Amino acid sequence: MDIHQLRCFIAVAEEGTFTAAGLRLHLAQSGVSAHIKALEREVGQRLFERHPRAVKLTAAGETLLPHVRAAMDALTSGRAAIDGLTGLLHGRVAIGTITSISPRSIDLPQLLASFHRMHPGVDLSLVEDSASMLTQHISDGRLDVAFTSLTEATTHGMQVRELHREAVIAILPPSSTLARQSEVSLRELTEHPLIALPEGSGLRWQLDRGLERAGVRARIAFEASDPDVLVALVEQGLGVGLVPESALTQSDRLVGVRVDDLPPGRLGLIWRDRPTVNPAAQAFVEHAATMSSNSRRRKPS
C-alpha cells in the first residue's frame, strides 16, 4: 500500500464517486480508479461495489476504512512531531460552521485570519451546513472541526469545547401583551405563529424538545437559518421570533422576553473523539478557545 492509494480510498469512500474523489484530490478520474484497483489487488478483495452513478463500500471496504483513517492520522501526527522540531506547524484543517453563527457570538472571520497569520503553513477550508449535518461530516471524516450549537444531538460521541452561551428570547413588537412580561412560557407562545430556525439547527432542536416536554404543539409559520432574517420577519408583523439574545441588537423596533422553559443556547467546537487528533486541528481548537476567552474579558459586564 502507498499513501496515494490510501488517500484515494478515503476520498472515494467519503465522496461516493470516483469523479468527485478526483476533484477533491486534483486527480483525473482514471488516476483515482487506477489507485483503487491497485489497492484492491494488494488486499485481495474488492473494496467498492461499482454502480452507474455511484460506488459503495463492500464489507471488506467497510472493515478496512477505519484502519486506513487511523494510519493517515498517525502519519499526520508523525509529520507534526517532526515539524515541532523546527517550531513550524503544517497540515490541513477542514472546518464546518452553522449558517446562523454571528460575529456577535463568535467572530469567525477574525479567528480564521489570526490563526492563518500564526500558522501560515496550515491550509484552512470552511463550509456551512446545519448542525445535524456538521455532526455527520465530523463522524465520517469529511471535517476536522465544526462550529455548532452544542446539544445532546450534536455532541454525542464528540469532543467538545464550549466558546459562547446566551439566552434564547422571544422577540415581538412592544404593543404585544407578552411584551409586558419579564418571562414567557412555551405554552403561551403556542398561541401565536412562531418564526424559528429550521430543523437541523441546535436552537430548533431545543425548541422541539421543550414543546415535547411541555406537552404542547406550536405552529411554525416561518423558518430562516439567519437570526437577522428572523428579526426582519418579526418586524413585519408575521409572528413571534425565537432567537439568541444578541440578535435583538439588530432592531430598535422590537422587545425581547426570556423564555423560561428553554435553556441558554450554547455554541462551540466539536471534533471526532479518537485516539489520534490532527495536530493542526488541535492547535486551531486551542486558538479558538483563547480568542473566545479574550473576547469575553473585553466585553463590558
C-alpha atoms as a PDB file:
ATOM      1  CA  MET A   1       0.000   0.000   0.000  1.00  0.00           C
ATOM      2  CA  ASP A   2       1.184   3.541  -0.648  1.00  0.00           C
ATOM      3  CA  ILE A   3      -0.096   6.872   0.626  1.00  0.00           C
ATOM      4  CA  HIS A   4      -1.705   7.791  -2.715  1.00  0.00           C
ATOM      5  CA  GLN A   5      -3.799   4.625  -2.675  1.00  0.00           C
ATOM      6  CA  LEU A   6      -4.921   5.286   0.890  1.00  0.00           C
ATOM      7  CA  ARG A   7      -5.858   8.901   0.153  1.00  0.00           C
ATOM      8  CA  CYS A   8      -7.865   7.824  -2.875  1.00  0.00           C
ATOM      9  CA  PHE A   9      -9.585   5.095  -0.874  1.00  0.00           C
ATOM     10  CA  ILE A  10     -10.740   7.554   1.812  1.00  0.00           C
ATOM     11  CA  ALA A  11     -11.798  10.149  -0.765  1.00  0.00           C
ATOM     12  CA  VAL A  12     -13.893   7.687  -2.790  1.00  0.00           C
ATOM     13  CA  ALA A  13     -15.482   6.290   0.384  1.00  0.00           C
ATOM     14  CA  GLU A  14     -16.472   9.795   1.519  1.00  0.00           C
ATOM     15  CA  GLU A  15     -17.441  11.306  -1.825  1.00  0.00           C
ATOM     16  CA  GLY A  16     -19.290   8.311  -3.252  1.00  0.00           C
ATOM     17  CA  THR A  17     -17.918   8.570  -6.804  1.00  0.00           C
ATOM     18  CA  PHE A  18     -14.513   8.346  -8.460  1.00  0.00           C
ATOM     19  CA  THR A  19     -15.156  11.637 -10.238  1.00  0.00           C
ATOM     20  CA  ALA A  20     -15.897  13.564  -7.037  1.00  0.00           C
ATOM     21  CA  ALA A  21     -12.902  11.990  -5.336  1.00  0.00           C
ATOM     22  CA  GLY A  22     -10.728  13.069  -8.259  1.00  0.00           C
ATOM     23  CA  LEU A  23     -11.940  16.655  -7.998  1.00  0.00           C
ATOM     24  CA  ARG A  24     -11.199  16.652  -4.276  1.00  0.00           C
ATOM     25  CA  LEU A  25      -7.686  15.276  -4.795  1.00  0.00           C
ATOM     26  CA  HIS A  26      -6.981  17.184  -8.028  1.00  0.00           C
ATOM     27  CA  LEU A  27      -6.544  13.903  -9.904  1.00  0.00           C
ATOM     28  CA  ALA A  28      -8.120  12.563 -13.072  1.00  0.00           C
ATOM     29  CA  GLN A  29     -10.913  10.052 -12.542  1.00  0.00           C
ATOM     30  CA  SER A  30      -8.800   7.430 -14.298  1.00  0.00           C
ATOM     31  CA  GLY A  31      -5.939   8.037 -11.866  1.00  0.00           C
ATOM     32  CA  VAL A  32      -8.213   7.550  -8.857  1.00  0.00           C
ATOM     33  CA  SER A  33      -9.606   4.368 -10.385  1.00  0.00           C
ATOM     34  CA  ALA A  34      -6.098   3.033 -11.020  1.00  0.00           C
ATOM     35  CA  HIS A  35      -5.055   3.626  -7.408  1.00  0.00           C
ATOM     36  CA  ILE A  36      -8.176   1.864  -6.113  1.00  0.00           C
ATOM     37  CA  LYS A  37      -7.654  -1.132  -8.410  1.00  0.00           C
ATOM     38  CA  ALA A  38      -4.028  -1.396  -7.258  1.00  0.00           C
ATOM     39  CA  LEU A  39      -5.142  -1.319  -3.627  1.00  0.00           C
ATOM     40  CA  GLU A  40      -7.772  -3.983  -4.286  1.00  0.00           C
ATOM     41  CA  ARG A  41      -5.143  -6.223  -5.908  1.00  0.00           C
ATOM     42  CA  GLU A  42      -2.905  -5.770  -2.884  1.00  0.00           C
ATOM     43  CA  VAL A  43      -5.549  -6.641  -0.286  1.00  0.00           C
ATOM     44  CA  GLY A  44      -7.053  -9.352  -2.480  1.00  0.00           C
ATOM     45  CA  GLN A  45     -10.621  -8.078  -2.095  1.00  0.00           C
ATOM     46  CA  ARG A  46     -12.985  -5.739  -3.894  1.00  0.00           C
ATOM     47  CA  LEU A  47     -13.356  -2.620  -1.779  1.00  0.00           C
ATOM     48  CA  PHE A  48     -16.172  -0.932  -3.706  1.00  0.00           C
ATOM     49  CA  GLU A  49     -19.349  -2.001  -5.463  1.00  0.00           C
ATOM     50  CA  ARG A  50     -19.398  -0.093  -8.768  1.00  0.00           C
ATOM     51  CA  HIS A  51     -22.772   1.294  -9.858  1.00  0.00           C
ATOM     52  CA  PRO A  52     -23.529   3.571 -12.840  1.00  0.00           C
ATOM     53  CA  ARG A  53     -23.746   6.770 -10.795  1.00  0.00           C
ATOM     54  CA  ALA A  54     -22.080   5.928  -7.503  1.00  0.00           C
ATOM     55  CA  VAL A  55     -19.899   3.466  -5.642  1.00  0.00           C
ATOM     56  CA  LYS A  56     -20.492   1.829  -2.289  1.00  0.00           C
ATOM     57  CA  LEU A  57     -18.093   0.213   0.141  1.00  0.00           C
ATOM     58  CA  THR A  58     -18.152  -3.579   0.243  1.00  0.00           C
ATOM     59  CA  ALA A  59     -17.929  -5.410   3.562  1.00  0.00           C
ATOM     60  CA  ALA A  60     -14.154  -5.573   3.045  1.00  0.00           C
ATOM     61  CA  GLY A  61     -14.061  -1.851   2.347  1.00  0.00           C
ATOM     62  CA  GLU A  62     -16.088  -1.070   5.482  1.00  0.00           C
ATOM     63  CA  THR A  63     -13.651  -3.201   7.503  1.00  0.00           C
ATOM     64  CA  LEU A  64     -10.586  -1.536   6.021  1.00  0.00           C
ATOM     65  CA  LEU A  65     -11.753   2.095   6.229  1.00  0.00           C
ATOM     66  CA  PRO A  66     -11.208   2.764   9.974  1.00  0.00           C
ATOM     67  CA  HIS A  67      -7.708   1.233   9.777  1.00  0.00           C
ATOM     68  CA  VAL A  68      -6.784   3.424   6.820  1.00  0.00           C
ATOM     69  CA  ARG A  69      -8.068   6.507   8.626  1.00  0.00           C
ATOM     70  CA  ALA A  70      -6.049   5.553  11.709  1.00  0.00           C
ATOM     71  CA  ALA A  71      -2.942   5.115   9.560  1.00  0.00           C
ATOM     72  CA  MET A  72      -3.410   8.516   7.936  1.00  0.00           C
ATOM     73  CA  ASP A  73      -3.998  10.122  11.336  1.00  0.00           C
ATOM     74  CA  ALA A  74      -0.803   8.547  12.651  1.00  0.00           C
ATOM     75  CA  LEU A  75       1.121   9.795   9.618  1.00  0.00           C
ATOM     76  CA  THR A  76      -0.221  13.314  10.170  1.00  0.00           C
ATOM     77  CA  SER A  77       0.857  13.181  13.821  1.00  0.00           C
ATOM     78  CA  GLY A  78       4.295  11.954  12.820  1.00  0.00           C
ATOM     79  CA  ARG A  79       4.753  14.814  10.408  1.00  0.00           C
ATOM     80  CA  ALA A  80       3.585  17.257  13.064  1.00  0.00           C
ATOM     81  CA  ALA A  81       6.127  15.866  15.537  1.00  0.00           C
ATOM     82  CA  ILE A  82       8.900  16.474  13.012  1.00  0.00           C
ATOM     83  CA  ASP A  83       7.568  19.981  12.335  1.00  0.00           C
ATOM     84  CA  GLY A  84       7.668  20.556  16.084  1.00  0.00           C
ATOM     85  CA  LEU A  85      11.459  20.262  15.974  1.00  0.00           C
ATOM     86  CA  THR A  86      11.540  23.441  13.887  1.00  0.00           C
ATOM     87  CA  GLY A  87       8.613  25.161  15.606  1.00  0.00           C
ATOM     88  CA  LEU A  88       6.543  25.113  12.404  1.00  0.00           C
ATOM     89  CA  LEU A  89       3.040  23.688  12.025  1.00  0.00           C
ATOM     90  CA  HIS A  90       1.791  22.255   8.749  1.00  0.00           C
ATOM     91  CA  GLY A  91      -1.233  20.312   7.602  1.00  0.00           C
ATOM     92  CA  ARG A  92      -4.847  20.953   6.769  1.00  0.00           C
ATOM     93  CA  VAL A  93      -7.895  21.772   8.867  1.00  0.00           C
ATOM     94  CA  ALA A  94     -11.322  21.224   7.297  1.00  0.00           C
ATOM     95  CA  ILE A  95     -13.743  23.433   9.248  1.00  0.00           C
ATOM     96  CA  GLY A  96     -17.526  23.489   9.267  1.00  0.00           C
ATOM     97  CA  THR A  97     -19.878  26.090  10.657  1.00  0.00           C
ATOM     98  CA  ILE A  98     -23.599  26.525  11.130  1.00  0.00           C
ATOM     99  CA  THR A  99     -25.111  29.158   8.862  1.00  0.00           C
ATOM    100  CA  SER A 100     -26.641  31.010  11.798  1.00  0.00           C
ATOM    101  CA  ILE A 101     -23.335  31.797  13.513  1.00  0.00           C
ATOM    102  CA  SER A 102     -22.839  35.532  14.021  1.00  0.00           C
ATOM    103  CA  PRO A 103     -19.798  37.728  14.768  1.00  0.00           C
ATOM    104  CA  ARG A 104     -21.822  38.923  17.781  1.00  0.00           C
ATOM    105  CA  SER A 105     -21.229  35.497  19.308  1.00  0.00           C
ATOM    106  CA  ILE A 106     -18.109  34.111  17.569  1.00  0.00           C
ATOM    107  CA  ASP A 107     -16.143  36.318  15.159  1.00  0.00           C
ATOM    108  CA  LEU A 108     -15.240  33.558  12.746  1.00  0.00           C
ATOM    109  CA  PRO A 109     -13.528  35.692  10.043  1.00  0.00           C
ATOM    110  CA  GLN A 110     -11.226  37.278  12.628  1.00  0.00           C
ATOM    111  CA  LEU A 111     -10.496  33.911  14.201  1.00  0.00           C
ATOM    112  CA  LEU A 112      -9.565  32.327  10.864  1.00  0.00           C
ATOM    113  CA  ALA A 113      -7.400  35.280   9.860  1.00  0.00           C
ATOM    114  CA  SER A 114      -5.471  35.375  13.141  1.00  0.00           C
ATOM    115  CA  PHE A 115      -4.831  31.615  13.057  1.00  0.00           C
ATOM    116  CA  HIS A 116      -3.589  31.882   9.463  1.00  0.00           C
ATOM    117  CA  ARG A 117      -1.148  34.630  10.466  1.00  0.00           C
ATOM    118  CA  MET A 118       0.195  32.469  13.299  1.00  0.00           C
ATOM    119  CA  HIS A 119       0.386  29.259  11.240  1.00  0.00           C
ATOM    120  CA  PRO A 120       0.764  30.131   7.541  1.00  0.00           C
ATOM    121  CA  GLY A 121       1.777  26.532   6.773  1.00  0.00           C
ATOM    122  CA  VAL A 122      -1.683  25.211   7.666  1.00  0.00           C
ATOM    123  CA  ASP A 123      -4.298  25.108   4.890  1.00  0.00           C
ATOM    124  CA  LEU A 124      -7.786  26.050   6.086  1.00  0.00           C
ATOM    125  CA  SER A 125     -11.110  25.312   4.404  1.00  0.00           C
ATOM    126  CA  LEU A 126     -14.606  26.312   5.503  1.00  0.00           C
ATOM    127  CA  VAL A 127     -18.102  25.038   4.642  1.00  0.00           C
ATOM    128  CA  GLU A 128     -21.557  25.901   6.012  1.00  0.00           C
ATOM    129  CA  ASP A 129     -24.262  23.394   6.901  1.00  0.00           C
ATOM    130  CA  SER A 130     -26.886  22.580   9.509  1.00  0.00           C
ATOM    131  CA  ALA A 131     -25.859  21.452  12.990  1.00  0.00           C
ATOM    132  CA  SER A 132     -27.054  17.905  12.345  1.00  0.00           C
ATOM    133  CA  MET A 133     -25.135  17.587   9.067  1.00  0.00           C
ATOM    134  CA  LEU A 134     -21.950  19.035  10.577  1.00  0.00           C
ATOM    135  CA  THR A 135     -22.001  16.325  13.238  1.00  0.00           C
ATOM    136  CA  GLN A 136     -22.376  13.707  10.493  1.00  0.00           C
ATOM    137  CA  HIS A 137     -19.482  15.178   8.495  1.00  0.00           C
ATOM    138  CA  ILE A 138     -17.260  15.116  11.586  1.00  0.00           C
ATOM    139  CA  SER A 139     -18.187  11.472  12.191  1.00  0.00           C
ATOM    140  CA  ASP A 140     -17.419  10.370   8.639  1.00  0.00           C
ATOM    141  CA  GLY A 141     -14.127  12.276   8.495  1.00  0.00           C
ATOM    142  CA  ARG A 142     -15.047  14.957   5.962  1.00  0.00           C
ATOM    143  CA  LEU A 143     -14.455  17.687   8.553  1.00  0.00           C
ATOM    144  CA  ASP A 144     -11.881  18.018  11.312  1.00  0.00           C
ATOM    145  CA  VAL A 145     -13.757  20.509  13.497  1.00  0.00           C
ATOM    146  CA  ALA A 146     -17.064  22.381  13.380  1.00  0.00           C
ATOM    147  CA  PHE A 147     -18.552  25.472  14.993  1.00  0.00           C
ATOM    148  CA  THR A 148     -22.047  24.445  16.006  1.00  0.00           C
ATOM    149  CA  SER A 149     -24.800  24.568  18.588  1.00  0.00           C
ATOM    150  CA  LEU A 150     -23.983  22.281  21.486  1.00  0.00           C
ATOM    151  CA  THR A 151     -26.920  19.995  22.232  1.00  0.00           C
ATOM    152  CA  GLU A 152     -27.328  16.327  23.087  1.00  0.00           C
ATOM    153  CA  ALA A 153     -27.927  15.668  19.394  1.00  0.00           C
ATOM    154  CA  THR A 154     -24.804  17.437  18.100  1.00  0.00           C
ATOM    155  CA  THR A 155     -22.268  16.413  20.750  1.00  0.00           C
ATOM    156  CA  HIS A 156     -22.927  12.668  21.073  1.00  0.00           C
ATOM    157  CA  GLY A 157     -19.642  10.847  20.518  1.00  0.00           C
ATOM    158  CA  MET A 158     -17.750  14.125  20.070  1.00  0.00           C
ATOM    159  CA  GLN A 159     -15.047  16.059  21.856  1.00  0.00           C
ATOM    160  CA  VAL A 160     -16.462  19.470  22.793  1.00  0.00           C
ATOM    161  CA  ARG A 161     -15.127  22.922  23.619  1.00  0.00           C
ATOM    162  CA  GLU A 162     -17.783  25.482  24.587  1.00  0.00           C
ATOM    163  CA  LEU A 163     -16.984  29.005  23.360  1.00  0.00           C
ATOM    164  CA  HIS A 164     -20.158  31.014  23.933  1.00  0.00           C
ATOM    165  CA  ARG A 165     -23.575  30.838  25.580  1.00  0.00           C
ATOM    166  CA  GLU A 166     -26.527  33.197  25.713  1.00  0.00           C
ATOM    167  CA  ALA A 167     -30.221  33.204  26.468  1.00  0.00           C
ATOM    168  CA  VAL A 168     -32.849  32.328  23.887  1.00  0.00           C
ATOM    169  CA  ILE A 169     -35.528  35.023  23.771  1.00  0.00           C
ATOM    170  CA  ALA A 170     -38.888  35.642  22.176  1.00  0.00           C
ATOM    171  CA  ILE A 171     -38.900  38.843  20.129  1.00  0.00           C
ATOM    172  CA  LEU A 172     -42.100  40.758  19.421  1.00  0.00           C
ATOM    173  CA  PRO A 173     -43.490  44.289  18.979  1.00  0.00           C
ATOM    174  CA  PRO A 174     -43.829  46.461  22.123  1.00  0.00           C
ATOM    175  CA  SER A 175     -47.617  46.530  21.548  1.00  0.00           C
ATOM    176  CA  SER A 176     -47.929  42.784  22.212  1.00  0.00           C
ATOM    177  CA  THR A 177     -49.391  41.737  25.559  1.00  0.00           C
ATOM    178  CA  LEU A 178     -46.452  39.352  26.014  1.00  0.00           C
ATOM    179  CA  ALA A 179     -44.032  42.295  25.838  1.00  0.00           C
ATOM    180  CA  ARG A 180     -45.148  43.428  29.296  1.00  0.00           C
ATOM    181  CA  GLN A 181     -43.957  40.179  30.913  1.00  0.00           C
ATOM    182  CA  SER A 182     -40.475  39.521  32.260  1.00  0.00           C
ATOM    183  CA  GLU A 183     -40.661  35.887  31.128  1.00  0.00           C
ATOM    184  CA  VAL A 184     -42.891  33.869  28.847  1.00  0.00           C
ATOM    185  CA  SER A 185     -43.567  30.128  28.638  1.00  0.00           C
ATOM    186  CA  LEU A 186     -43.632  27.955  25.550  1.00  0.00           C
ATOM    187  CA  ARG A 187     -47.299  27.242  26.259  1.00  0.00           C
ATOM    188  CA  GLU A 188     -48.044  30.966  25.967  1.00  0.00           C
ATOM    189  CA  LEU A 189     -46.013  31.235  22.780  1.00  0.00           C
ATOM    190  CA  THR A 190     -48.012  28.475  21.081  1.00  0.00           C
ATOM    191  CA  GLU A 191     -50.970  30.871  20.946  1.00  0.00           C
ATOM    192  CA  HIS A 192     -49.040  32.847  18.310  1.00  0.00           C
ATOM    193  CA  PRO A 193     -47.442  31.950  14.960  1.00  0.00           C
ATOM    194  CA  LEU A 194     -43.740  31.306  15.588  1.00  0.00           C
ATOM    195  CA  ILE A 195     -40.727  32.265  13.492  1.00  0.00           C
ATOM    196  CA  ALA A 196     -37.765  29.986  14.175  1.00  0.00           C
ATOM    197  CA  LEU A 197     -34.563  28.483  12.858  1.00  0.00           C
ATOM    198  CA  PRO A 198     -35.093  25.433  10.605  1.00  0.00           C
ATOM    199  CA  GLU A 199     -35.000  21.774  11.570  1.00  0.00           C
ATOM    200  CA  GLY A 200     -31.445  20.533  11.931  1.00  0.00           C
ATOM    201  CA  SER A 201     -30.346  23.623  13.883  1.00  0.00           C
ATOM    202  CA  GLY A 202     -29.452  23.440  17.555  1.00  0.00           C
ATOM    203  CA  LEU A 203     -31.946  26.082  18.666  1.00  0.00           C
ATOM    204  CA  ARG A 204     -34.744  24.337  16.779  1.00  0.00           C
ATOM    205  CA  TRP A 205     -33.794  21.028  18.406  1.00  0.00           C
ATOM    206  CA  GLN A 206     -34.054  22.713  21.832  1.00  0.00           C
ATOM    207  CA  LEU A 207     -37.413  24.239  20.871  1.00  0.00           C
ATOM    208  CA  ASP A 208     -38.831  20.909  19.705  1.00  0.00           C
ATOM    209  CA  ARG A 209     -37.660  19.170  22.894  1.00  0.00           C
ATOM    210  CA  GLY A 210     -39.123  21.983  25.014  1.00  0.00           C
ATOM    211  CA  LEU A 211     -42.503  21.737  23.297  1.00  0.00           C
ATOM    212  CA  GLU A 212     -42.481  17.976  23.775  1.00  0.00           C
ATOM    213  CA  ARG A 213     -41.730  18.329  27.493  1.00  0.00           C
ATOM    214  CA  ALA A 214     -44.474  20.931  27.888  1.00  0.00           C
ATOM    215  CA  GLY A 215     -46.952  18.687  26.057  1.00  0.00           C
ATOM    216  CA  VAL A 216     -47.902  21.404  23.556  1.00  0.00           C
ATOM    217  CA  ARG A 217     -47.674  21.939  19.819  1.00  0.00           C
ATOM    218  CA  ALA A 218     -46.673  25.120  18.024  1.00  0.00           C
ATOM    219  CA  ARG A 219     -47.350  26.488  14.558  1.00  0.00           C
ATOM    220  CA  ILE A 220     -44.038  27.340  12.929  1.00  0.00           C
ATOM    221  CA  ALA A 221     -45.157  29.948  10.420  1.00  0.00           C
ATOM    222  CA  PHE A 222     -41.723  30.850   9.011  1.00  0.00           C
ATOM    223  CA  GLU A 223     -38.222  29.388   9.111  1.00  0.00           C
ATOM    224  CA  ALA A 224     -34.900  31.027   8.289  1.00  0.00           C
ATOM    225  CA  SER A 225     -31.322  29.976   9.005  1.00  0.00           C
ATOM    226  CA  ASP A 226     -30.139  33.557   9.684  1.00  0.00           C
ATOM    227  CA  PRO A 227     -31.297  35.104  13.012  1.00  0.00           C
ATOM    228  CA  ASP A 228     -31.201  38.565  11.418  1.00  0.00           C
ATOM    229  CA  VAL A 229     -33.751  37.407   8.838  1.00  0.00           C
ATOM    230  CA  LEU A 230     -35.957  36.164  11.681  1.00  0.00           C
ATOM    231  CA  VAL A 231     -35.763  39.617  13.259  1.00  0.00           C
ATOM    232  CA  ALA A 232     -36.814  41.230   9.971  1.00  0.00           C
ATOM    233  CA  LEU A 233     -39.788  38.866   9.645  1.00  0.00           C
ATOM    234  CA  VAL A 234     -40.963  39.749  13.159  1.00  0.00           C
ATOM    235  CA  GLU A 235     -40.636  43.451  12.339  1.00  0.00           C
ATOM    236  CA  GLN A 236     -43.093  42.868   9.505  1.00  0.00           C
ATOM    237  CA  GLY A 237     -45.642  41.527  11.979  1.00  0.00           C
ATOM    238  CA  LEU A 238     -45.522  37.933  10.773  1.00  0.00           C
ATOM    239  CA  GLY A 239     -45.217  36.265  14.182  1.00  0.00           C
ATOM    240  CA  VAL A 240     -43.148  35.880  17.338  1.00  0.00           C
ATOM    241  CA  GLY A 241     -39.478  35.088  16.773  1.00  0.00           C
ATOM    242  CA  LEU A 242     -37.198  32.835  18.779  1.00  0.00           C
ATOM    243  CA  VAL A 243     -33.567  33.946  18.523  1.00  0.00           C
ATOM    244  CA  PRO A 244     -30.339  34.217  20.528  1.00  0.00           C
ATOM    245  CA  GLU A 245     -30.477  37.320  22.712  1.00  0.00           C
ATOM    246  CA  SER A 246     -27.722  39.131  20.799  1.00  0.00           C
ATOM    247  CA  ALA A 247     -29.857  39.136  17.623  1.00  0.00           C
ATOM    248  CA  LEU A 248     -32.105  41.768  19.196  1.00  0.00           C
ATOM    249  CA  THR A 249     -29.322  44.358  18.788  1.00  0.00           C
ATOM    250  CA  GLN A 250     -30.267  44.429  15.095  1.00  0.00           C
ATOM    251  CA  SER A 251     -33.613  46.081  15.846  1.00  0.00           C
ATOM    252  CA  ASP A 252     -34.859  49.061  17.848  1.00  0.00           C
ATOM    253  CA  ARG A 253     -38.491  48.264  16.960  1.00  0.00           C
ATOM    254  CA  LEU A 254     -38.828  45.033  18.947  1.00  0.00           C
ATOM    255  CA  VAL A 255     -38.525  43.898  22.549  1.00  0.00           C
ATOM    256  CA  GLY A 256     -37.181  40.634  23.903  1.00  0.00           C
ATOM    257  CA  VAL A 257     -38.672  38.414  26.580  1.00  0.00           C
ATOM    258  CA  ARG A 258     -36.907  35.465  28.202  1.00  0.00           C
ATOM    259  CA  VAL A 259     -38.392  32.025  27.523  1.00  0.00           C
ATOM    260  CA  ASP A 260     -38.407  30.303  30.891  1.00  0.00           C
ATOM    261  CA  ASP A 261     -38.542  26.696  29.653  1.00  0.00           C
ATOM    262  CA  LEU A 262     -35.732  26.931  27.091  1.00  0.00           C
ATOM    263  CA  PRO A 263     -32.105  26.542  28.251  1.00  0.00           C
ATOM    264  CA  PRO A 264     -29.427  29.017  27.117  1.00  0.00           C
ATOM    265  CA  GLY A 265     -28.061  28.455  23.648  1.00  0.00           C
ATOM    266  CA  ARG A 266     -24.510  27.095  23.635  1.00  0.00           C
ATOM    267  CA  LEU A 267     -22.024  27.457  20.786  1.00  0.00           C
ATOM    268  CA  GLY A 268     -18.666  25.806  20.469  1.00  0.00           C
ATOM    269  CA  LEU A 269     -16.373  23.490  18.584  1.00  0.00           C
ATOM    270  CA  ILE A 270     -16.799  19.752  18.138  1.00  0.00           C
ATOM    271  CA  TRP A 271     -14.361  17.218  16.758  1.00  0.00           C
ATOM    272  CA  ARG A 272     -14.212  13.459  16.495  1.00  0.00           C
ATOM    273  CA  ASP A 273     -13.418  11.552  19.681  1.00  0.00           C
ATOM    274  CA  ARG A 274     -10.483   9.430  18.584  1.00  0.00           C
ATOM    275  CA  PRO A 275      -7.043   8.454  19.972  1.00  0.00           C
ATOM    276  CA  THR A 276      -5.083  10.460  17.391  1.00  0.00           C
ATOM    277  CA  VAL A 277      -6.075  14.060  16.701  1.00  0.00           C
ATOM    278  CA  ASN A 278      -4.896  16.133  13.759  1.00  0.00           C
ATOM    279  CA  PRO A 279      -2.280  18.393  15.448  1.00  0.00           C
ATOM    280  CA  ALA A 280      -3.202  21.343  13.245  1.00  0.00           C
ATOM    281  CA  ALA A 281      -6.864  20.893  14.182  1.00  0.00           C
ATOM    282  CA  GLN A 282      -5.954  20.685  17.874  1.00  0.00           C
ATOM    283  CA  ALA A 283      -3.965  23.907  17.554  1.00  0.00           C
ATOM    284  CA  PHE A 284      -6.982  25.519  15.888  1.00  0.00           C
ATOM    285  CA  VAL A 285      -9.261  24.455  18.761  1.00  0.00           C
ATOM    286  CA  GLU A 286      -6.876  25.944  21.331  1.00  0.00           C
ATOM    287  CA  HIS A 287      -6.601  29.156  19.324  1.00  0.00           C
ATOM    288  CA  ALA A 288     -10.391  29.464  19.107  1.00  0.00           C
ATOM    289  CA  ALA A 289     -10.715  28.912  22.869  1.00  0.00           C
ATOM    290  CA  THR A 290      -8.106  31.595  23.590  1.00  0.00           C
ATOM    291  CA  MET A 291      -9.738  34.089  21.216  1.00  0.00           C
ATOM    292  CA  SER A 292     -13.162  33.434  22.740  1.00  0.00           C
ATOM    293  CA  SER A 293     -11.849  33.864  26.277  1.00  0.00           C
ATOM    294  CA  ASN A 294     -10.140  37.134  25.382  1.00  0.00           C
ATOM    295  CA  SER A 295     -13.311  38.394  23.694  1.00  0.00           C
ATOM    296  CA  ARG A 296     -15.426  37.679  26.808  1.00  0.00           C
ATOM    297  CA  ARG A 297     -12.964  39.571  29.005  1.00  0.00           C
ATOM    298  CA  ARG A 298     -13.133  42.614  26.726  1.00  0.00           C
ATOM    299  CA  LYS A 299     -16.930  42.796  26.734  1.00  0.00           C
ATOM    300  CA  PRO A 300     -18.472  45.164  29.271  1.00  0.00           C
ATOM    301  CA  SER A 301     -20.397  43.453  32.066  1.00  0.00           C
END
